[in-house]
C-alpha cells in the first residue's frame, strides 16, 4: 500500500479523532475508509479525506446529531457557515428560555407588585373554533399565528364574524426541552362545521382568577412572573382551587392579553 493512503491510526491522529469515533463515522457512512485490506482488515484513508474529518470533529464538539453533521459536512463552506449562524441564534434563544424556567423553579419569579391586579370574574359558556397540537415552546409563536389565521379564514368562509376573542390553553408545561398540548381557539357564534384539524367545542361557564398582563411582562422570562403571581394568589386563599388548564385571552382587560385560571371559590 502506497503513502497515498494512511492507516486508520495515522489518519485519526492527524484528524484528532479517536479510533472509536472513526469506527462510528465509518458505520454511519459519514466518513468511510477509502479501502479495507481484505487480508488484514486494516482500514485506510486518503490524505484528502482529512479536511472533511476535521470539519466533522468540530461539528461533533457542538453536540450536533450525526444526521445533522452529515448534511452540514456536505455543504460548501459559505452555506455551512450560514446554517451554523442560524443554529447558534436558535441555541441562544434556547438558553434564554431555559434560564427563564430556572428562575421559575427557584420561585424567584413571583412578583408581589402584580398581586394587587389579580381579580375574579364569571365567564359565560363560549363556543370556539380551534386547533390543538403537541409542541415545544420554541414553536408556540408560529403555531399560534397559523391556528388563528386558519380559524379566522374558516369563520369568514362560513359567513360568520371572525373578530372574536382568541384563547390559548396550555394543557401541559411546555419548555424548549419538553413538549405539551396547546390549544388556540377563537370565540364564535352561529353555525360552523369543523374542518381538517380545526375543531368546534364549548368552553363551559366558569369562575376565573385572572391578571391583566402589563406590557413589560408579555415575553419570557417576565411572563412567568404573571403565571406565578396568579398561582400564588390562589394558593394563599383557602377554598380557592384551580380546576382547569391556565389560558391566555386576547385582548385582555385594558391590556394585550390576560392570564386566567378556572377556579372554584368558597
C-alpha atoms as a PDB file:
ATOM      1  CA  UNK A   1       0.000   0.000   0.000  1.00  0.00           C
ATOM      2  CA  UNK A   2       1.484   3.342  -1.012  1.00  0.00           C
ATOM      3  CA  UNK A   3       1.627   6.517   1.096  1.00  0.00           C
ATOM      4  CA  UNK A   4      -1.305   7.712  -0.908  1.00  0.00           C
ATOM      5  CA  UNK A   5      -3.187   6.152   1.994  1.00  0.00           C
ATOM      6  CA  UNK A   6      -2.953   6.408   5.765  1.00  0.00           C
ATOM      7  CA  UNK A   7      -3.663   3.701   8.317  1.00  0.00           C
ATOM      8  CA  UNK A   8      -6.697   4.386  10.479  1.00  0.00           C
ATOM      9  CA  UNK A   9      -4.486   5.209  13.468  1.00  0.00           C
ATOM     10  CA  UNK A  10      -2.395   7.671  11.475  1.00  0.00           C
ATOM     11  CA  UNK A  11      -5.456   9.253   9.931  1.00  0.00           C
ATOM     12  CA  UNK A  12      -7.213   9.534  13.294  1.00  0.00           C
ATOM     13  CA  UNK A  13      -4.170  11.169  14.853  1.00  0.00           C
ATOM     14  CA  UNK A  14      -3.933  13.709  12.030  1.00  0.00           C
ATOM     15  CA  UNK A  15      -7.660  14.473  12.285  1.00  0.00           C
ATOM     16  CA  UNK A  16      -7.707  14.318  16.112  1.00  0.00           C
ATOM     17  CA  UNK A  17     -10.344  11.583  16.026  1.00  0.00           C
ATOM     18  CA  UNK A  18     -10.269   8.569  18.333  1.00  0.00           C
ATOM     19  CA  UNK A  19     -10.415   5.024  16.913  1.00  0.00           C
ATOM     20  CA  UNK A  20     -13.905   4.708  18.396  1.00  0.00           C
ATOM     21  CA  UNK A  21     -15.070   7.891  16.616  1.00  0.00           C
ATOM     22  CA  UNK A  22     -13.552   6.731  13.309  1.00  0.00           C
ATOM     23  CA  UNK A  23     -15.380   3.404  13.548  1.00  0.00           C
ATOM     24  CA  UNK A  24     -18.654   5.136  14.372  1.00  0.00           C
ATOM     25  CA  UNK A  25     -18.374   7.594  11.482  1.00  0.00           C
ATOM     26  CA  UNK A  26     -17.487   4.748   9.125  1.00  0.00           C
ATOM     27  CA  UNK A  27     -20.509   2.705  10.256  1.00  0.00           C
ATOM     28  CA  UNK A  28     -22.787   5.721   9.770  1.00  0.00           C
ATOM     29  CA  UNK A  29     -21.413   6.395   6.274  1.00  0.00           C
ATOM     30  CA  UNK A  30     -20.215   9.772   7.450  1.00  0.00           C
ATOM     31  CA  UNK A  31     -16.511   9.093   6.894  1.00  0.00           C
ATOM     32  CA  UNK A  32     -15.982   5.684   5.252  1.00  0.00           C
ATOM     33  CA  UNK A  33     -12.443   4.362   4.706  1.00  0.00           C
ATOM     34  CA  UNK A  34     -11.043   4.717   1.217  1.00  0.00           C
ATOM     35  CA  UNK A  35     -10.338   0.993   1.255  1.00  0.00           C
ATOM     36  CA  UNK A  36     -10.043  -2.004   3.570  1.00  0.00           C
ATOM     37  CA  UNK A  37      -7.287  -4.607   3.161  1.00  0.00           C
ATOM     38  CA  UNK A  38      -9.146  -7.908   2.618  1.00  0.00           C
ATOM     39  CA  UNK A  39      -6.323  -9.921   4.150  1.00  0.00           C
ATOM     40  CA  UNK A  40      -5.732  -7.949   7.344  1.00  0.00           C
ATOM     41  CA  UNK A  41      -8.944  -5.928   7.736  1.00  0.00           C
ATOM     42  CA  UNK A  42      -6.882  -2.777   8.124  1.00  0.00           C
ATOM     43  CA  UNK A  43      -8.733   0.386   7.178  1.00  0.00           C
ATOM     44  CA  UNK A  44      -7.008   3.011   5.053  1.00  0.00           C
ATOM     45  CA  UNK A  45      -7.930   6.624   4.397  1.00  0.00           C
ATOM     46  CA  UNK A  46      -6.766   9.083   1.770  1.00  0.00           C
ATOM     47  CA  UNK A  47      -4.997  12.269   2.914  1.00  0.00           C
ATOM     48  CA  UNK A  48      -7.593  14.320   1.021  1.00  0.00           C
ATOM     49  CA  UNK A  49     -10.244  12.998   3.468  1.00  0.00           C
ATOM     50  CA  UNK A  50      -8.597  14.919   6.308  1.00  0.00           C
ATOM     51  CA  UNK A  51     -10.409  18.265   5.734  1.00  0.00           C
ATOM     52  CA  UNK A  52     -13.796  16.527   5.935  1.00  0.00           C
ATOM     53  CA  UNK A  53     -12.715  14.594   9.017  1.00  0.00           C
ATOM     54  CA  UNK A  54     -11.665  17.797  10.771  1.00  0.00           C
ATOM     55  CA  UNK A  55     -14.965  19.506   9.908  1.00  0.00           C
ATOM     56  CA  UNK A  56     -16.860  16.517  11.312  1.00  0.00           C
ATOM     57  CA  UNK A  57     -14.790  16.610  14.505  1.00  0.00           C
ATOM     58  CA  UNK A  58     -15.527  20.299  15.035  1.00  0.00           C
ATOM     59  CA  UNK A  59     -19.239  19.887  14.353  1.00  0.00           C
ATOM     60  CA  UNK A  60     -19.378  16.974  16.768  1.00  0.00           C
ATOM     61  CA  UNK A  61     -17.913  19.194  19.500  1.00  0.00           C
ATOM     62  CA  UNK A  62     -21.023  21.360  19.135  1.00  0.00           C
ATOM     63  CA  UNK A  63     -23.148  18.395  20.191  1.00  0.00           C
ATOM     64  CA  UNK A  64     -24.924  18.146  16.840  1.00  0.00           C
ATOM     65  CA  UNK A  65     -26.505  14.789  15.947  1.00  0.00           C
ATOM     66  CA  UNK A  66     -24.747  12.725  13.302  1.00  0.00           C
ATOM     67  CA  UNK A  67     -27.601  13.113  10.813  1.00  0.00           C
ATOM     68  CA  UNK A  68     -27.286  16.898  11.013  1.00  0.00           C
ATOM     69  CA  UNK A  69     -23.495  16.708  10.740  1.00  0.00           C
ATOM     70  CA  UNK A  70     -23.824  14.617   7.593  1.00  0.00           C
ATOM     71  CA  UNK A  71     -25.837  17.395   5.947  1.00  0.00           C
ATOM     72  CA  UNK A  72     -23.530  20.190   7.096  1.00  0.00           C
ATOM     73  CA  UNK A  73     -20.334  18.387   6.127  1.00  0.00           C
ATOM     74  CA  UNK A  74     -21.556  18.149   2.523  1.00  0.00           C
ATOM     75  CA  UNK A  75     -22.307  21.875   2.233  1.00  0.00           C
ATOM     76  CA  UNK A  76     -19.944  24.437   0.707  1.00  0.00           C
ATOM     77  CA  UNK A  77     -18.145  26.419   3.455  1.00  0.00           C
ATOM     78  CA  UNK A  78     -20.229  29.591   2.963  1.00  0.00           C
ATOM     79  CA  UNK A  79     -23.525  27.690   3.150  1.00  0.00           C
ATOM     80  CA  UNK A  80     -22.302  25.742   6.177  1.00  0.00           C
ATOM     81  CA  UNK A  81     -21.392  28.985   7.950  1.00  0.00           C
ATOM     82  CA  UNK A  82     -24.853  30.406   7.232  1.00  0.00           C
ATOM     83  CA  UNK A  83     -26.543  27.297   8.634  1.00  0.00           C
ATOM     84  CA  UNK A  84     -24.362  27.357  11.738  1.00  0.00           C
ATOM     85  CA  UNK A  85     -25.108  31.020  12.410  1.00  0.00           C
ATOM     86  CA  UNK A  86     -28.802  30.196  12.332  1.00  0.00           C
ATOM     87  CA  UNK A  87     -28.228  27.245  14.655  1.00  0.00           C
ATOM     88  CA  UNK A  88     -26.254  29.441  17.059  1.00  0.00           C
ATOM     89  CA  UNK A  89     -29.051  32.030  17.139  1.00  0.00           C
ATOM     90  CA  UNK A  90     -31.547  29.277  17.997  1.00  0.00           C
ATOM     91  CA  UNK A  91     -29.247  27.943  20.725  1.00  0.00           C
ATOM     92  CA  UNK A  92     -29.011  31.390  22.320  1.00  0.00           C
ATOM     93  CA  UNK A  93     -32.804  31.658  22.344  1.00  0.00           C
ATOM     94  CA  UNK A  94     -32.999  28.169  23.816  1.00  0.00           C
ATOM     95  CA  UNK A  95     -30.600  29.124  26.586  1.00  0.00           C
ATOM     96  CA  UNK A  96     -32.681  32.223  27.385  1.00  0.00           C
ATOM     97  CA  UNK A  97     -35.796  30.063  27.678  1.00  0.00           C
ATOM     98  CA  UNK A  98     -34.013  27.610  29.946  1.00  0.00           C
ATOM     99  CA  UNK A  99     -32.812  30.448  32.152  1.00  0.00           C
ATOM    100  CA  UNK A 100     -36.414  31.612  32.482  1.00  0.00           C
ATOM    101  CA  UNK A 101     -37.518  28.142  33.564  1.00  0.00           C
ATOM    102  CA  UNK A 102     -34.718  28.037  36.155  1.00  0.00           C
ATOM    103  CA  UNK A 103     -35.972  31.360  37.523  1.00  0.00           C
ATOM    104  CA  UNK A 104     -39.463  29.914  37.829  1.00  0.00           C
ATOM    105  CA  UNK A 105     -38.280  26.717  39.523  1.00  0.00           C
ATOM    106  CA  UNK A 106     -36.350  28.761  42.070  1.00  0.00           C
ATOM    107  CA  UNK A 107     -39.543  30.561  42.954  1.00  0.00           C
ATOM    108  CA  UNK A 108     -37.904  33.930  42.379  1.00  0.00           C
ATOM    109  CA  UNK A 109     -40.295  34.942  39.627  1.00  0.00           C
ATOM    110  CA  UNK A 110     -43.292  35.707  41.874  1.00  0.00           C
ATOM    111  CA  UNK A 111     -43.948  39.443  41.646  1.00  0.00           C
ATOM    112  CA  UNK A 112     -45.752  40.732  44.707  1.00  0.00           C
ATOM    113  CA  UNK A 113     -46.258  44.047  42.922  1.00  0.00           C
ATOM    114  CA  UNK A 114     -48.572  42.346  40.431  1.00  0.00           C
ATOM    115  CA  UNK A 115     -50.723  40.674  43.079  1.00  0.00           C
ATOM    116  CA  UNK A 116     -52.921  43.750  43.593  1.00  0.00           C
ATOM    117  CA  UNK A 117     -54.125  43.436  39.975  1.00  0.00           C
ATOM    118  CA  UNK A 118     -55.375  39.835  40.357  1.00  0.00           C
ATOM    119  CA  UNK A 119     -59.178  39.668  40.150  1.00  0.00           C
ATOM    120  CA  UNK A 120     -62.054  37.204  39.858  1.00  0.00           C
ATOM    121  CA  UNK A 121     -64.765  37.164  37.183  1.00  0.00           C
ATOM    122  CA  UNK A 122     -67.566  34.966  35.933  1.00  0.00           C
ATOM    123  CA  UNK A 123     -67.058  33.680  32.391  1.00  0.00           C
ATOM    124  CA  UNK A 124     -70.135  32.527  30.414  1.00  0.00           C
ATOM    125  CA  UNK A 125     -70.071  29.443  28.209  1.00  0.00           C
ATOM    126  CA  UNK A 126     -68.268  30.207  24.945  1.00  0.00           C
ATOM    127  CA  UNK A 127     -68.286  28.326  21.642  1.00  0.00           C
ATOM    128  CA  UNK A 128     -64.856  28.265  19.996  1.00  0.00           C
ATOM    129  CA  UNK A 129     -63.227  27.107  16.785  1.00  0.00           C
ATOM    130  CA  UNK A 130     -59.690  25.957  17.449  1.00  0.00           C
ATOM    131  CA  UNK A 131     -56.681  23.765  16.850  1.00  0.00           C
ATOM    132  CA  UNK A 132     -54.876  21.582  19.395  1.00  0.00           C
ATOM    133  CA  UNK A 133     -51.342  20.326  18.923  1.00  0.00           C
ATOM    134  CA  UNK A 134     -48.376  19.000  20.865  1.00  0.00           C
ATOM    135  CA  UNK A 135     -45.475  21.455  20.583  1.00  0.00           C
ATOM    136  CA  UNK A 136     -42.350  22.778  22.300  1.00  0.00           C
ATOM    137  CA  UNK A 137     -42.234  26.380  23.488  1.00  0.00           C
ATOM    138  CA  UNK A 138     -39.953  27.286  20.580  1.00  0.00           C
ATOM    139  CA  UNK A 139     -42.831  26.503  18.184  1.00  0.00           C
ATOM    140  CA  UNK A 140     -45.507  28.387  20.133  1.00  0.00           C
ATOM    141  CA  UNK A 141     -45.446  31.687  18.229  1.00  0.00           C
ATOM    142  CA  UNK A 142     -45.634  30.032  14.812  1.00  0.00           C
ATOM    143  CA  UNK A 143     -48.342  27.594  15.874  1.00  0.00           C
ATOM    144  CA  UNK A 144     -50.458  30.349  17.442  1.00  0.00           C
ATOM    145  CA  UNK A 145     -50.246  32.593  14.377  1.00  0.00           C
ATOM    146  CA  UNK A 146     -51.105  29.798  11.939  1.00  0.00           C
ATOM    147  CA  UNK A 147     -54.001  28.471  14.019  1.00  0.00           C
ATOM    148  CA  UNK A 148     -55.522  31.931  14.424  1.00  0.00           C
ATOM    149  CA  UNK A 149     -55.135  32.698  10.719  1.00  0.00           C
ATOM    150  CA  UNK A 150     -56.763  29.431   9.638  1.00  0.00           C
ATOM    151  CA  UNK A 151     -59.606  29.689  12.157  1.00  0.00           C
ATOM    152  CA  UNK A 152     -60.471  33.260  11.147  1.00  0.00           C
ATOM    153  CA  UNK A 153     -60.366  32.286   7.475  1.00  0.00           C
ATOM    154  CA  UNK A 154     -62.744  29.369   8.070  1.00  0.00           C
ATOM    155  CA  UNK A 155     -65.154  31.542  10.032  1.00  0.00           C
ATOM    156  CA  UNK A 156     -65.228  34.108   7.223  1.00  0.00           C
ATOM    157  CA  UNK A 157     -65.732  31.348   4.645  1.00  0.00           C
ATOM    158  CA  UNK A 158     -68.682  30.138   6.738  1.00  0.00           C
ATOM    159  CA  UNK A 159     -70.260  33.603   6.611  1.00  0.00           C
ATOM    160  CA  UNK A 160     -69.563  34.330  10.268  1.00  0.00           C
ATOM    161  CA  UNK A 161     -67.844  37.140  12.111  1.00  0.00           C
ATOM    162  CA  UNK A 162     -64.142  36.395  12.642  1.00  0.00           C
ATOM    163  CA  UNK A 163     -63.329  39.043  15.238  1.00  0.00           C
ATOM    164  CA  UNK A 164     -63.892  37.011  18.415  1.00  0.00           C
ATOM    165  CA  UNK A 165     -61.509  36.788  21.328  1.00  0.00           C
ATOM    166  CA  UNK A 166     -58.546  34.420  20.974  1.00  0.00           C
ATOM    167  CA  UNK A 167     -57.864  31.871  23.687  1.00  0.00           C
ATOM    168  CA  UNK A 168     -54.603  29.949  24.159  1.00  0.00           C
ATOM    169  CA  UNK A 169     -54.986  26.987  26.534  1.00  0.00           C
ATOM    170  CA  UNK A 170     -51.866  25.348  27.990  1.00  0.00           C
ATOM    171  CA  UNK A 171     -52.647  21.742  28.891  1.00  0.00           C
ATOM    172  CA  UNK A 172     -49.040  20.981  29.878  1.00  0.00           C
ATOM    173  CA  UNK A 173     -45.943  22.904  30.871  1.00  0.00           C
ATOM    174  CA  UNK A 174     -44.079  23.454  27.622  1.00  0.00           C
ATOM    175  CA  UNK A 175     -40.391  24.329  27.521  1.00  0.00           C
ATOM    176  CA  UNK A 176     -37.658  24.126  24.875  1.00  0.00           C
ATOM    177  CA  UNK A 177     -36.899  20.614  26.187  1.00  0.00           C
ATOM    178  CA  UNK A 178     -40.386  19.225  26.855  1.00  0.00           C
ATOM    179  CA  UNK A 179     -43.416  19.365  24.621  1.00  0.00           C
ATOM    180  CA  UNK A 180     -47.056  19.528  25.598  1.00  0.00           C
ATOM    181  CA  UNK A 181     -50.519  20.162  24.235  1.00  0.00           C
ATOM    182  CA  UNK A 182     -51.588  23.708  23.403  1.00  0.00           C
ATOM    183  CA  UNK A 183     -54.977  24.752  22.041  1.00  0.00           C
ATOM    184  CA  UNK A 184     -55.515  28.005  20.140  1.00  0.00           C
ATOM    185  CA  UNK A 185     -59.214  28.873  19.771  1.00  0.00           C
ATOM    186  CA  UNK A 186     -61.399  31.750  18.586  1.00  0.00           C
ATOM    187  CA  UNK A 187     -64.723  32.651  20.155  1.00  0.00           C
ATOM    188  CA  UNK A 188     -67.548  32.449  17.605  1.00  0.00           C
ATOM    189  CA  UNK A 189     -71.303  32.485  17.253  1.00  0.00           C
ATOM    190  CA  UNK A 190     -73.527  30.885  14.646  1.00  0.00           C
ATOM    191  CA  UNK A 191     -73.263  27.566  12.867  1.00  0.00           C
ATOM    192  CA  UNK A 192     -69.779  26.442  11.885  1.00  0.00           C
ATOM    193  CA  UNK A 193     -68.515  22.972  10.997  1.00  0.00           C
ATOM    194  CA  UNK A 194     -65.102  21.560  11.921  1.00  0.00           C
ATOM    195  CA  UNK A 195     -62.684  21.229   9.022  1.00  0.00           C
ATOM    196  CA  UNK A 196     -59.313  19.490   8.831  1.00  0.00           C
ATOM    197  CA  UNK A 197     -57.697  19.723  12.261  1.00  0.00           C
ATOM    198  CA  UNK A 198     -59.895  22.663  13.316  1.00  0.00           C
ATOM    199  CA  UNK A 199     -62.437  21.574  15.899  1.00  0.00           C
ATOM    200  CA  UNK A 200     -65.520  23.165  17.451  1.00  0.00           C
ATOM    201  CA  UNK A 201     -66.129  22.901  21.185  1.00  0.00           C
ATOM    202  CA  UNK A 202     -67.866  24.651  24.056  1.00  0.00           C
ATOM    203  CA  UNK A 203     -65.839  26.193  26.858  1.00  0.00           C
ATOM    204  CA  UNK A 204     -68.037  25.651  29.919  1.00  0.00           C
ATOM    205  CA  UNK A 205     -69.122  28.602  32.031  1.00  0.00           C
ATOM    206  CA  UNK A 206     -66.695  29.037  34.906  1.00  0.00           C
ATOM    207  CA  UNK A 207     -65.251  31.348  37.519  1.00  0.00           C
ATOM    208  CA  UNK A 208     -61.804  32.631  36.560  1.00  0.00           C
ATOM    209  CA  UNK A 209     -58.988  34.202  38.511  1.00  0.00           C
ATOM    210  CA  UNK A 210     -57.145  36.468  36.091  1.00  0.00           C
ATOM    211  CA  UNK A 211     -54.392  39.022  35.798  1.00  0.00           C
ATOM    212  CA  UNK A 212     -54.102  41.616  33.007  1.00  0.00           C
ATOM    213  CA  UNK A 213     -50.539  41.301  31.715  1.00  0.00           C
ATOM    214  CA  UNK A 214     -48.506  44.537  31.777  1.00  0.00           C
ATOM    215  CA  UNK A 215     -46.664  45.327  28.556  1.00  0.00           C
ATOM    216  CA  UNK A 216     -43.351  44.915  30.375  1.00  0.00           C
ATOM    217  CA  UNK A 217     -44.205  41.281  31.236  1.00  0.00           C
ATOM    218  CA  UNK A 218     -45.568  39.987  27.933  1.00  0.00           C
ATOM    219  CA  UNK A 219     -42.493  37.989  26.943  1.00  0.00           C
ATOM    220  CA  UNK A 220     -40.165  35.460  28.528  1.00  0.00           C
ATOM    221  CA  UNK A 221     -38.862  35.422  31.158  1.00  0.00           C
ATOM    222  CA  UNK A 222     -41.137  38.009  32.806  1.00  0.00           C
ATOM    223  CA  UNK A 223     -44.387  36.374  31.632  1.00  0.00           C
ATOM    224  CA  UNK A 224     -43.605  33.553  34.067  1.00  0.00           C
ATOM    225  CA  UNK A 225     -43.971  36.075  36.901  1.00  0.00           C
ATOM    226  CA  UNK A 226     -47.562  36.634  35.833  1.00  0.00           C
ATOM    227  CA  UNK A 227     -48.414  32.928  35.967  1.00  0.00           C
ATOM    228  CA  UNK A 228     -46.607  32.501  39.268  1.00  0.00           C
ATOM    229  CA  UNK A 229     -48.378  35.518  40.748  1.00  0.00           C
ATOM    230  CA  UNK A 230     -51.836  34.146  39.863  1.00  0.00           C
ATOM    231  CA  UNK A 231     -50.904  30.718  41.232  1.00  0.00           C
ATOM    232  CA  UNK A 232     -49.539  32.226  44.459  1.00  0.00           C
ATOM    233  CA  UNK A 233     -52.710  34.314  44.811  1.00  0.00           C
ATOM    234  CA  UNK A 234     -54.939  31.228  44.575  1.00  0.00           C
ATOM    235  CA  UNK A 235     -52.675  29.137  46.831  1.00  0.00           C
ATOM    236  CA  UNK A 236     -52.878  31.787  49.549  1.00  0.00           C
ATOM    237  CA  UNK A 237     -56.700  31.738  49.692  1.00  0.00           C
ATOM    238  CA  UNK A 238     -58.416  28.842  51.472  1.00  0.00           C
ATOM    239  CA  UNK A 239     -61.128  27.244  49.364  1.00  0.00           C
ATOM    240  CA  UNK A 240     -59.903  28.700  46.062  1.00  0.00           C
ATOM    241  CA  UNK A 241     -58.899  25.763  43.890  1.00  0.00           C
ATOM    242  CA  UNK A 242     -57.701  25.717  40.277  1.00  0.00           C
ATOM    243  CA  UNK A 243     -59.943  23.363  38.302  1.00  0.00           C
ATOM    244  CA  UNK A 244     -58.563  23.502  34.762  1.00  0.00           C
ATOM    245  CA  UNK A 245     -55.816  24.496  32.396  1.00  0.00           C
ATOM    246  CA  UNK A 246     -54.465  28.051  32.519  1.00  0.00           C
ATOM    247  CA  UNK A 247     -55.169  30.134  29.459  1.00  0.00           C
ATOM    248  CA  UNK A 248     -54.454  33.458  27.853  1.00  0.00           C
ATOM    249  CA  UNK A 249     -57.244  35.557  26.386  1.00  0.00           C
ATOM    250  CA  UNK A 250     -56.698  38.250  23.734  1.00  0.00           C
ATOM    251  CA  UNK A 251     -57.466  41.120  24.008  1.00  0.00           C
ATOM    252  CA  UNK A 252     -57.113  41.447  27.744  1.00  0.00           C
ATOM    253  CA  UNK A 253     -58.686  43.748  30.276  1.00  0.00           C
ATOM    254  CA  UNK A 254     -57.108  47.014  29.212  1.00  0.00           C
ATOM    255  CA  UNK A 255     -54.001  45.086  28.105  1.00  0.00           C
ATOM    256  CA  UNK A 256     -52.967  42.974  25.125  1.00  0.00           C
ATOM    257  CA  UNK A 257     -53.924  39.813  26.997  1.00  0.00           C
ATOM    258  CA  UNK A 258     -54.919  38.370  30.362  1.00  0.00           C
ATOM    259  CA  UNK A 259     -53.647  35.217  32.055  1.00  0.00           C
ATOM    260  CA  UNK A 260     -56.511  33.295  33.654  1.00  0.00           C
ATOM    261  CA  UNK A 261     -57.168  30.107  35.625  1.00  0.00           C
ATOM    262  CA  UNK A 262     -60.588  28.482  36.042  1.00  0.00           C
ATOM    263  CA  UNK A 263     -61.279  28.051  39.751  1.00  0.00           C
ATOM    264  CA  UNK A 264     -63.847  27.155  42.331  1.00  0.00           C
ATOM    265  CA  UNK A 265     -64.372  29.701  45.100  1.00  0.00           C
ATOM    266  CA  UNK A 266     -65.984  29.288  48.524  1.00  0.00           C
END
